[in-house]
Amino acid sequence: MKFRKDSSFADPDLALAKLLEIVRGLEADAAGRISIGAVSHAFRSAGGNVSEYGAAMHRAVADGWLESHPARTYVKLLRKPDTPA
């Protein structure tokens, strides 16, 4: 018997791609900040779970895609360091 639904975001590359798609689709404020709550809600609404969201967020920050506020209240989308402008 199988109780747990397999998630399409169990693959870290797919989770990261979905997270970046969501961030790019959300409107930033005048300072370029995007609410972490809006990102999390959209990711979970798309079928991801909390641990997949956390892993994707950590990877996006570590890889230079996002900058996270120290209080984790918002993120800013950055250009990936090894991608041409």
PDB file of N, CA and C in Angstrom:
ATOM      1  N   MET A   1       0.845  -1.164   0.000  1.00  0.00           N
ATOM      2  CA  MET A   1       0.000   0.000   0.000  1.00  0.00           C
ATOM      3  C   MET A   1       0.901   1.241   0.000  1.00  0.00           C
ATOM      4  N   LYS A   2       0.547   2.202  -0.819  1.00  0.00           N
ATOM      5  CA  LYS A   2       1.354   3.410  -0.951  1.00  0.00           C
ATOM      6  C   LYS A   2       0.539   4.609  -0.454  1.00  0.00           C
ATOM      7  N   PHE A   3       1.042   5.272   0.555  1.00  0.00           N
ATOM      8  CA  PHE A   3       0.329   6.407   1.133  1.00  0.00           C
ATOM      9  C   PHE A   3       0.862   7.747   0.637  1.00  0.00           C
ATOM     10  N   ARG A   4       2.120   7.781   0.305  1.00  0.00           N
ATOM     11  CA  ARG A   4       2.742   9.038  -0.071  1.00  0.00           C
ATOM     12  C   ARG A   4       2.711   9.244  -1.575  1.00  0.00           C
ATOM     13  N   LYS A   5       2.319  10.434  -1.978  1.00  0.00           N
ATOM     14  CA  LYS A   5       2.290  10.779  -3.397  1.00  0.00           C
ATOM     15  C   LYS A   5       3.706  11.182  -3.827  1.00  0.00           C
ATOM     16  N   ASP A   6       4.178  10.623  -4.928  1.00  0.00           N
ATOM     17  CA  ASP A   6       5.476  11.028  -5.455  1.00  0.00           C
ATOM     18  C   ASP A   6       5.385  12.443  -5.988  1.00  0.00           C
ATOM     19  N   SER A   7       6.382  13.239  -5.693  1.00  0.00           N
ATOM     20  CA  SER A   7       6.387  14.633  -6.124  1.00  0.00           C
ATOM     21  C   SER A   7       7.272  14.807  -7.348  1.00  0.00           C
ATOM     22  N   SER A   8       6.833  15.652  -8.244  1.00  0.00           N
ATOM     23  CA  SER A   8       7.648  15.926  -9.424  1.00  0.00           C
ATOM     24  C   SER A   8       8.849  16.801  -9.078  1.00  0.00           C
ATOM     25  N   PHE A   9       8.874  17.363  -7.873  1.00  0.00           N
ATOM     26  CA  PHE A   9       9.981  18.227  -7.468  1.00  0.00           C
ATOM     27  C   PHE A   9      10.999  17.510  -6.586  1.00  0.00           C
ATOM     28  N   ALA A  10      10.930  16.188  -6.546  1.00  0.00           N
ATOM     29  CA  ALA A  10      11.936  15.429  -5.811  1.00  0.00           C
ATOM     30  C   ALA A  10      13.292  15.545  -6.507  1.00  0.00           C
ATOM     31  N   ASP A  11      13.283  15.798  -7.815  1.00  0.00           N
ATOM     32  CA  ASP A  11      14.517  16.047  -8.570  1.00  0.00           C
ATOM     33  C   ASP A  11      14.954  17.479  -8.278  1.00  0.00           C
ATOM     34  N   PRO A  12      16.146  17.680  -7.702  1.00  0.00           N
ATOM     35  CA  PRO A  12      16.602  19.029  -7.336  1.00  0.00           C
ATOM     36  C   PRO A  12      16.659  20.006  -8.509  1.00  0.00           C
ATOM     37  N   ASP A  13      16.998  19.515  -9.696  1.00  0.00           N
ATOM     38  CA  ASP A  13      17.058  20.404 -10.861  1.00  0.00           C
ATOM     39  C   ASP A  13      15.668  20.909 -11.239  1.00  0.00           C
ATOM     40  N   LEU A  14      14.676  20.037 -11.171  1.00  0.00           N
ATOM     41  CA  LEU A  14      13.303  20.443 -11.480  1.00  0.00           C
ATOM     42  C   LEU A  14      12.765  21.402 -10.424  1.00  0.00           C
ATOM     43  N   ALA A  15      13.094  21.135  -9.162  1.00  0.00           N
ATOM     44  CA  ALA A  15      12.642  22.013  -8.079  1.00  0.00           C
ATOM     45  C   ALA A  15      13.254  23.401  -8.235  1.00  0.00           C
ATOM     46  N   LEU A  16      14.531  23.469  -8.552  1.00  0.00           N
ATOM     47  CA  LEU A  16      15.193  24.757  -8.754  1.00  0.00           C
ATOM     48  C   LEU A  16      14.584  25.493  -9.940  1.00  0.00           C
ATOM     49  N   ALA A  17      14.362  24.789 -11.025  1.00  0.00           N
ATOM     50  CA  ALA A  17      13.770  25.419 -12.210  1.00  0.00           C
ATOM     51  C   ALA A  17      12.380  25.977 -11.904  1.00  0.00           C
ATOM     52  N   LYS A  18      11.579  25.228 -11.166  1.00  0.00           N
ATOM     53  CA  LYS A  18      10.232  25.696 -10.820  1.00  0.00           C
ATOM     54  C   LYS A  18      10.309  26.899  -9.894  1.00  0.00           C
ATOM     55  N   LEU A  19      11.210  26.853  -8.922  1.00  0.00           N
ATOM     56  CA  LEU A  19      11.361  27.976  -8.002  1.00  0.00           C
ATOM     57  C   LEU A  19      11.745  29.250  -8.759  1.00  0.00           C
ATOM     58  N   LEU A  20      12.701  29.148  -9.677  1.00  0.00           N
ATOM     59  CA  LEU A  20      13.121  30.319 -10.449  1.00  0.00           C
ATOM     60  C   LEU A  20      12.003  30.814 -11.367  1.00  0.00           C
ATOM     61  N   GLU A  21      11.239  29.895 -11.920  1.00  0.00           N
ATOM     62  CA  GLU A  21      10.091  30.280 -12.747  1.00  0.00           C
ATOM     63  C   GLU A  21       9.089  31.076 -11.914  1.00  0.00           C
ATOM     64  N   ILE A  22       8.841  30.617 -10.707  1.00  0.00           N
ATOM     65  CA  ILE A  22       7.906  31.304  -9.807  1.00  0.00           C
ATOM     66  C   ILE A  22       8.427  32.683  -9.442  1.00  0.00           C
ATOM     67  N   VAL A  23       9.698  32.761  -9.052  1.00  0.00           N
ATOM     68  CA  VAL A  23      10.284  34.044  -8.648  1.00  0.00           C
ATOM     69  C   VAL A  23      10.230  35.041  -9.808  1.00  0.00           C
ATOM     70  N   ARG A  24      10.551  34.583 -11.005  1.00  0.00           N
ATOM     71  CA  ARG A  24      10.510  35.473 -12.175  1.00  0.00           C
ATOM     72  C   ARG A  24       9.094  35.951 -12.479  1.00  0.00           C
ATOM     73  N   GLY A  25       8.096  35.157 -12.111  1.00  0.00           N
ATOM     74  CA  GLY A  25       6.709  35.505 -12.397  1.00  0.00           C
ATOM     75  C   GLY A  25       6.054  36.395 -11.353  1.00  0.00           C
ATOM     76  N   LEU A  26       6.693  36.549 -10.200  1.00  0.00           N
ATOM     77  CA  LEU A  26       6.131  37.388  -9.142  1.00  0.00           C
ATOM     78  C   LEU A  26       6.641  38.816  -9.269  1.00  0.00           C
ATOM     79  N   GLU A  27       5.800  39.740  -8.891  1.00  0.00           N
ATOM     80  CA  GLU A  27       6.181  41.149  -8.975  1.00  0.00           C
ATOM     81  C   GLU A  27       7.012  41.550  -7.754  1.00  0.00           C
ATOM     82  N   ALA A  28       8.145  42.157  -8.024  1.00  0.00           N
ATOM     83  CA  ALA A  28       9.015  42.646  -6.955  1.00  0.00           C
ATOM     84  C   ALA A  28       8.614  44.059  -6.564  1.00  0.00           C
ATOM     85  N   ASP A  29       8.981  44.459  -5.341  1.00  0.00           N
ATOM     86  CA  ASP A  29       8.725  45.836  -4.931  1.00  0.00           C
ATOM     87  C   ASP A  29       9.758  46.762  -5.571  1.00  0.00           C
ATOM     88  N   ALA A  30       9.726  48.034  -5.227  1.00  0.00           N
ATOM     89  CA  ALA A  30      10.614  49.024  -5.846  1.00  0.00           C
ATOM     90  C   ALA A  30      12.090  48.713  -5.604  1.00  0.00           C
ATOM     91  N   ALA A  31      12.384  48.019  -4.522  1.00  0.00           N
ATOM     92  CA  ALA A  31      13.771  47.665  -4.205  1.00  0.00           C
ATOM     93  C   ALA A  31      14.169  46.311  -4.792  1.00  0.00           C
ATOM     94  N   GLY A  32      13.279  45.684  -5.558  1.00  0.00           N
ATOM     95  CA  GLY A  32      13.588  44.393  -6.175  1.00  0.00           C
ATOM     96  C   GLY A  32      13.357  43.202  -5.272  1.00  0.00           C
ATOM     97  N   ARG A  33      12.654  43.406  -4.153  1.00  0.00           N
ATOM     98  CA  ARG A  33      12.421  42.328  -3.191  1.00  0.00           C
ATOM     99  C   ARG A  33      11.120  41.594  -3.498  1.00  0.00           C
ATOM    100  N   ILE A  34      11.151  40.293  -3.278  1.00  0.00           N
ATOM    101  CA  ILE A  34       9.984  39.445  -3.472  1.00  0.00           C
ATOM    102  C   ILE A  34       9.721  38.719  -2.160  1.00  0.00           C
ATOM    103  N   SER A  35       8.496  38.775  -1.691  1.00  0.00           N
ATOM    104  CA  SER A  35       8.109  38.158  -0.424  1.00  0.00           C
ATOM    105  C   SER A  35       8.357  36.657  -0.442  1.00  0.00           C
ATOM    106  N   ILE A  36       9.029  36.176   0.577  1.00  0.00           N
ATOM    107  CA  ILE A  36       9.319  34.755   0.691  1.00  0.00           C
ATOM    108  C   ILE A  36       8.032  33.960   0.872  1.00  0.00           C
ATOM    109  N   GLY A  37       7.052  34.567   1.518  1.00  0.00           N
ATOM    110  CA  GLY A  37       5.761  33.899   1.712  1.00  0.00           C
ATOM    111  C   GLY A  37       5.063  33.647   0.388  1.00  0.00           C
ATOM    112  N   ALA A  38       5.115  34.606  -0.510  1.00  0.00           N
ATOM    113  CA  ALA A  38       4.489  34.452  -1.825  1.00  0.00           C
ATOM    114  C   ALA A  38       5.189  33.362  -2.626  1.00  0.00           C
ATOM    115  N   VAL A  39       6.503  33.309  -2.537  1.00  0.00           N
ATOM    116  CA  VAL A  39       7.273  32.290  -3.256  1.00  0.00           C
ATOM    117  C   VAL A  39       6.946  30.909  -2.706  1.00  0.00           C
ATOM    118  N   SER A  40       6.957  30.778  -1.397  1.00  0.00           N
ATOM    119  CA  SER A  40       6.673  29.496  -0.752  1.00  0.00           C
ATOM    120  C   SER A  40       5.266  29.013  -1.086  1.00  0.00           C
ATOM    121  N   HIS A  41       4.299  29.903  -0.991  1.00  0.00           N
ATOM    122  CA  HIS A  41       2.915  29.540  -1.272  1.00  0.00           C
ATOM    123  C   HIS A  41       2.760  29.058  -2.723  1.00  0.00           C
ATOM    124  N   ALA A  42       3.354  29.796  -3.654  1.00  0.00           N
ATOM    125  CA  ALA A  42       3.251  29.424  -5.066  1.00  0.00           C
ATOM    126  C   ALA A  42       3.927  28.085  -5.336  1.00  0.00           C
ATOM    127  N   PHE A  43       5.072  27.849  -4.713  1.00  0.00           N
ATOM    128  CA  PHE A  43       5.788  26.580  -4.913  1.00  0.00           C
ATOM    129  C   PHE A  43       4.958  25.412  -4.390  1.00  0.00           C
ATOM    130  N   ARG A  44       4.398  25.568  -3.199  1.00  0.00           N
ATOM    131  CA  ARG A  44       3.588  24.499  -2.626  1.00  0.00           C
ATOM    132  C   ARG A  44       2.289  24.309  -3.397  1.00  0.00           C
ATOM    133  N   SER A  45       1.730  25.385  -3.908  1.00  0.00           N
ATOM    134  CA  SER A  45       0.515  25.282  -4.726  1.00  0.00           C
ATOM    135  C   SER A  45       0.789  24.556  -6.046  1.00  0.00           C
ATOM    136  N   ALA A  46       2.029  24.629  -6.502  1.00  0.00           N
ATOM    137  CA  ALA A  46       2.417  23.951  -7.747  1.00  0.00           C
ATOM    138  C   ALA A  46       2.698  22.466  -7.527  1.00  0.00           C
ATOM    139  N   GLY A  47       2.616  22.008  -6.282  1.00  0.00           N
ATOM    140  CA  GLY A  47       2.793  20.584  -6.006  1.00  0.00           C
ATOM    141  C   GLY A  47       4.018  20.239  -5.200  1.00  0.00           C
ATOM    142  N   GLY A  48       4.841  21.223  -4.881  1.00  0.00           N
ATOM    143  CA  GLY A  48       6.029  20.963  -4.077  1.00  0.00           C
ATOM    144  C   GLY A  48       5.690  20.900  -2.599  1.00  0.00           C
ATOM    145  N   ASN A  49       6.581  20.307  -1.822  1.00  0.00           N
ATOM    146  CA  ASN A  49       6.373  20.292  -0.372  1.00  0.00           C
ATOM    147  C   ASN A  49       7.408  21.191   0.294  1.00  0.00           C
ATOM    148  N   VAL A  50       7.316  21.315   1.592  1.00  0.00           N
ATOM    149  CA  VAL A  50       8.166  22.240   2.339  1.00  0.00           C
ATOM    150  C   VAL A  50       9.644  21.875   2.221  1.00  0.00           C
ATOM    151  N   SER A  51       9.985  20.597   2.306  1.00  0.00           N
ATOM    152  CA  SER A  51      11.401  20.222   2.232  1.00  0.00           C
ATOM    153  C   SER A  51      11.968  20.447   0.831  1.00  0.00           C
ATOM    154  N   GLU A  52      11.167  20.198  -0.197  1.00  0.00           N
ATOM    155  CA  GLU A  52      11.618  20.459  -1.571  1.00  0.00           C
ATOM    156  C   GLU A  52      11.802  21.955  -1.796  1.00  0.00           C
ATOM    157  N   TYR A  53      10.896  22.745  -1.250  1.00  0.00           N
ATOM    158  CA  TYR A  53      11.006  24.201  -1.349  1.00  0.00           C
ATOM    159  C   TYR A  53      12.290  24.677  -0.665  1.00  0.00           C
ATOM    160  N   GLY A  54      12.528  24.184   0.543  1.00  0.00           N
ATOM    161  CA  GLY A  54      13.729  24.580   1.283  1.00  0.00           C
ATOM    162  C   GLY A  54      15.003  24.212   0.548  1.00  0.00           C
ATOM    163  N   ALA A  55      15.034  23.013  -0.009  1.00  0.00           N
ATOM    164  CA  ALA A  55      16.214  22.566  -0.751  1.00  0.00           C
ATOM    165  C   ALA A  55      16.426  23.418  -1.999  1.00  0.00           C
ATOM    166  N   ALA A  56      15.343  23.713  -2.710  1.00  0.00           N
ATOM    167  CA  ALA A  56      15.451  24.538  -3.915  1.00  0.00           C
ATOM    168  C   ALA A  56      15.900  25.951  -3.569  1.00  0.00           C
ATOM    169  N   MET A  57      15.377  26.496  -2.476  1.00  0.00           N
ATOM    170  CA  MET A  57      15.745  27.853  -2.053  1.00  0.00           C
ATOM    171  C   MET A  57      17.223  27.903  -1.661  1.00  0.00           C
ATOM    172  N   HIS A  58      17.668  26.930  -0.881  1.00  0.00           N
ATOM    173  CA  HIS A  58      19.089  26.893  -0.479  1.00  0.00           C
ATOM    174  C   HIS A  58      19.992  26.786  -1.703  1.00  0.00           C
ATOM    175  N   ARG A  59      19.617  25.959  -2.656  1.00  0.00           N
ATOM    176  CA  ARG A  59      20.435  25.794  -3.863  1.00  0.00           C
ATOM    177  C   ARG A  59      20.447  27.073  -4.701  1.00  0.00           C
ATOM    178  N   ALA A  60      19.290  27.729  -4.816  1.00  0.00           N
ATOM    179  CA  ALA A  60      19.219  28.967  -5.601  1.00  0.00           C
ATOM    180  C   ALA A  60      20.117  30.045  -5.006  1.00  0.00           C
ATOM    181  N   VAL A  61      20.168  30.119  -3.690  1.00  0.00           N
ATOM    182  CA  VAL A  61      21.041  31.096  -3.021  1.00  0.00           C
ATOM    183  C   VAL A  61      22.502  30.687  -3.191  1.00  0.00           C
ATOM    184  N   ALA A  62      22.802  29.420  -2.963  1.00  0.00           N
ATOM    185  CA  ALA A  62      24.183  28.933  -3.067  1.00  0.00           C
ATOM    186  C   ALA A  62      24.733  29.067  -4.490  1.00  0.00           C
ATOM    187  N   ASP A  63      23.875  28.875  -5.480  1.00  0.00           N
ATOM    188  CA  ASP A  63      24.312  28.961  -6.876  1.00  0.00           C
ATOM    189  C   ASP A  63      24.316  30.391  -7.418  1.00  0.00           C
ATOM    190  N   GLY A  64      23.891  31.357  -6.608  1.00  0.00           N
ATOM    191  CA  GLY A  64      23.942  32.753  -7.037  1.00  0.00           C
ATOM    192  C   GLY A  64      22.735  33.245  -7.812  1.00  0.00           C
ATOM    193  N   TRP A  65      21.648  32.491  -7.822  1.00  0.00           N
ATOM    194  CA  TRP A  65      20.433  32.933  -8.501  1.00  0.00           C
ATOM    195  C   TRP A  65      19.648  33.921  -7.655  1.00  0.00           C
ATOM    196  N   LEU A  66      19.617  33.684  -6.348  1.00  0.00           N
ATOM    197  CA  LEU A  66      18.838  34.523  -5.442  1.00  0.00           C
ATOM    198  C   LEU A  66      19.705  35.033  -4.310  1.00  0.00           C
ATOM    199  N   GLU A  67      19.330  36.201  -3.811  1.00  0.00           N
ATOM    200  CA  GLU A  67      19.921  36.738  -2.590  1.00  0.00           C
ATOM    201  C   GLU A  67      18.821  36.725  -1.547  1.00  0.00           C
ATOM    202  N   SER A  68      19.104  36.152  -0.402  1.00  0.00           N
ATOM    203  CA  SER A  68      18.111  36.031   0.657  1.00  0.00           C
ATOM    204  C   SER A  68      18.402  37.040   1.762  1.00  0.00           C
ATOM    205  N   HIS A  69      17.365  37.717   2.221  1.00  0.00           N
ATOM    206  CA  HIS A  69      17.498  38.644   3.339  1.00  0.00           C
ATOM    207  C   HIS A  69      17.868  37.836   4.582  1.00  0.00           C
ATOM    208  N   PRO A  70      18.733  38.368   5.459  1.00  0.00           N
ATOM    209  CA  PRO A  70      19.143  37.613   6.647  1.00  0.00           C
ATOM    210  C   PRO A  70      17.973  37.133   7.514  1.00  0.00           C
ATOM    211  N   ALA A  71      16.897  37.902   7.564  1.00  0.00           N
ATOM    212  CA  ALA A  71      15.733  37.495   8.352  1.00  0.00           C
ATOM    213  C   ALA A  71      14.813  36.553   7.575  1.00  0.00           C
ATOM    214  N   ARG A  72      15.187  36.220   6.341  1.00  0.00           N
ATOM    215  CA  ARG A  72      14.421  35.325   5.479  1.00  0.00           C
ATOM    216  C   ARG A  72      13.006  35.835   5.201  1.00  0.00           C
ATOM    217  N   THR A  73      12.861  37.151   5.051  1.00  0.00           N
ATOM    218  CA  THR A  73      11.551  37.730   4.765  1.00  0.00           C
ATOM    219  C   THR A  73      11.339  37.976   3.284  1.00  0.00           C
ATOM    220  N   TYR A  74      12.412  38.082   2.534  1.00  0.00           N
ATOM    221  CA  TYR A  74      12.297  38.286   1.099  1.00  0.00           C
ATOM    222  C   TYR A  74      13.548  37.791   0.394  1.00  0.00           C
ATOM    223  N   VAL A  75      13.448  37.679  -0.929  1.00  0.00           N
ATOM    224  CA  VAL A  75      14.584  37.334  -1.773  1.00  0.00           C
ATOM    225  C   VAL A  75      14.676  38.347  -2.899  1.00  0.00           C
ATOM    226  N   LYS A  76      15.843  38.431  -3.496  1.00  0.00           N
ATOM    227  CA  LYS A  76      16.059  39.242  -4.689  1.00  0.00           C
ATOM    228  C   LYS A  76      16.625  38.327  -5.762  1.00  0.00           C
ATOM    229  N   LEU A  77      16.098  38.473  -6.981  1.00  0.00           N
ATOM    230  CA  LEU A  77      16.593  37.696  -8.105  1.00  0.00           C
ATOM    231  C   LEU A  77      17.867  38.342  -8.616  1.00  0.00           C
ATOM    232  N   LEU A  78      18.919  37.553  -8.729  1.00  0.00           N
ATOM    233  CA  LEU A  78      20.199  38.017  -9.216  1.00  0.00           C
ATOM    234  C   LEU A  78      20.514  37.322 -10.533  1.00  0.00           C
ATOM    235  N   ARG A  79      21.450  37.888 -11.263  1.00  0.00           N
ATOM    236  CA  ARG A  79      21.961  37.207 -12.450  1.00  0.00           C
ATOM    237  C   ARG A  79      22.933  36.142 -11.960  1.00  0.00           C
ATOM    238  N   LYS A  80      22.826  34.960 -12.498  1.00  0.00           N
ATOM    239  CA  LYS A  80      23.750  33.902 -12.104  1.00  0.00           C
ATOM    240  C   LYS A  80      25.162  34.339 -12.433  1.00  0.00           C
ATOM    241  N   PRO A  81      26.114  34.195 -11.502  1.00  0.00           N
ATOM    242  CA  PRO A  81      27.471  34.705 -11.688  1.00  0.00           C
ATOM    243  C   PRO A  81      28.171  34.246 -12.964  1.00  0.00           C
ATOM    244  N   ASP A  82      27.970  32.989 -13.383  1.00  0.00           N
ATOM    245  CA  ASP A  82      28.693  32.507 -14.561  1.00  0.00           C
ATOM    246  C   ASP A  82      27.867  32.618 -15.848  1.00  0.00           C
ATOM    247  N   THR A  83      26.796  33.402 -15.817  1.00  0.00           N
ATOM    248  CA  THR A  83      25.963  33.630 -17.003  1.00  0.00           C
ATOM    249  C   THR A  83      26.230  35.016 -17.550  1.00  0.00           C
ATOM    250  N   PRO A  84      26.441  35.163 -18.847  1.00  0.00           N
ATOM    251  CA  PRO A  84      26.669  36.497 -19.416  1.00  0.00           C
ATOM    252  C   PRO A  84      25.478  37.419 -19.197  1.00  0.00           C
ATOM    253  N   ALA A  85      25.750  38.693 -19.095  1.00  0.00           N
ATOM    254  CA  ALA A  85      24.704  39.682 -18.832  1.00  0.00           C
ATOM    255  C   ALA A  85      23.738  39.823 -19.965  1.00  0.00           C
TER     256      ALA A  85
END
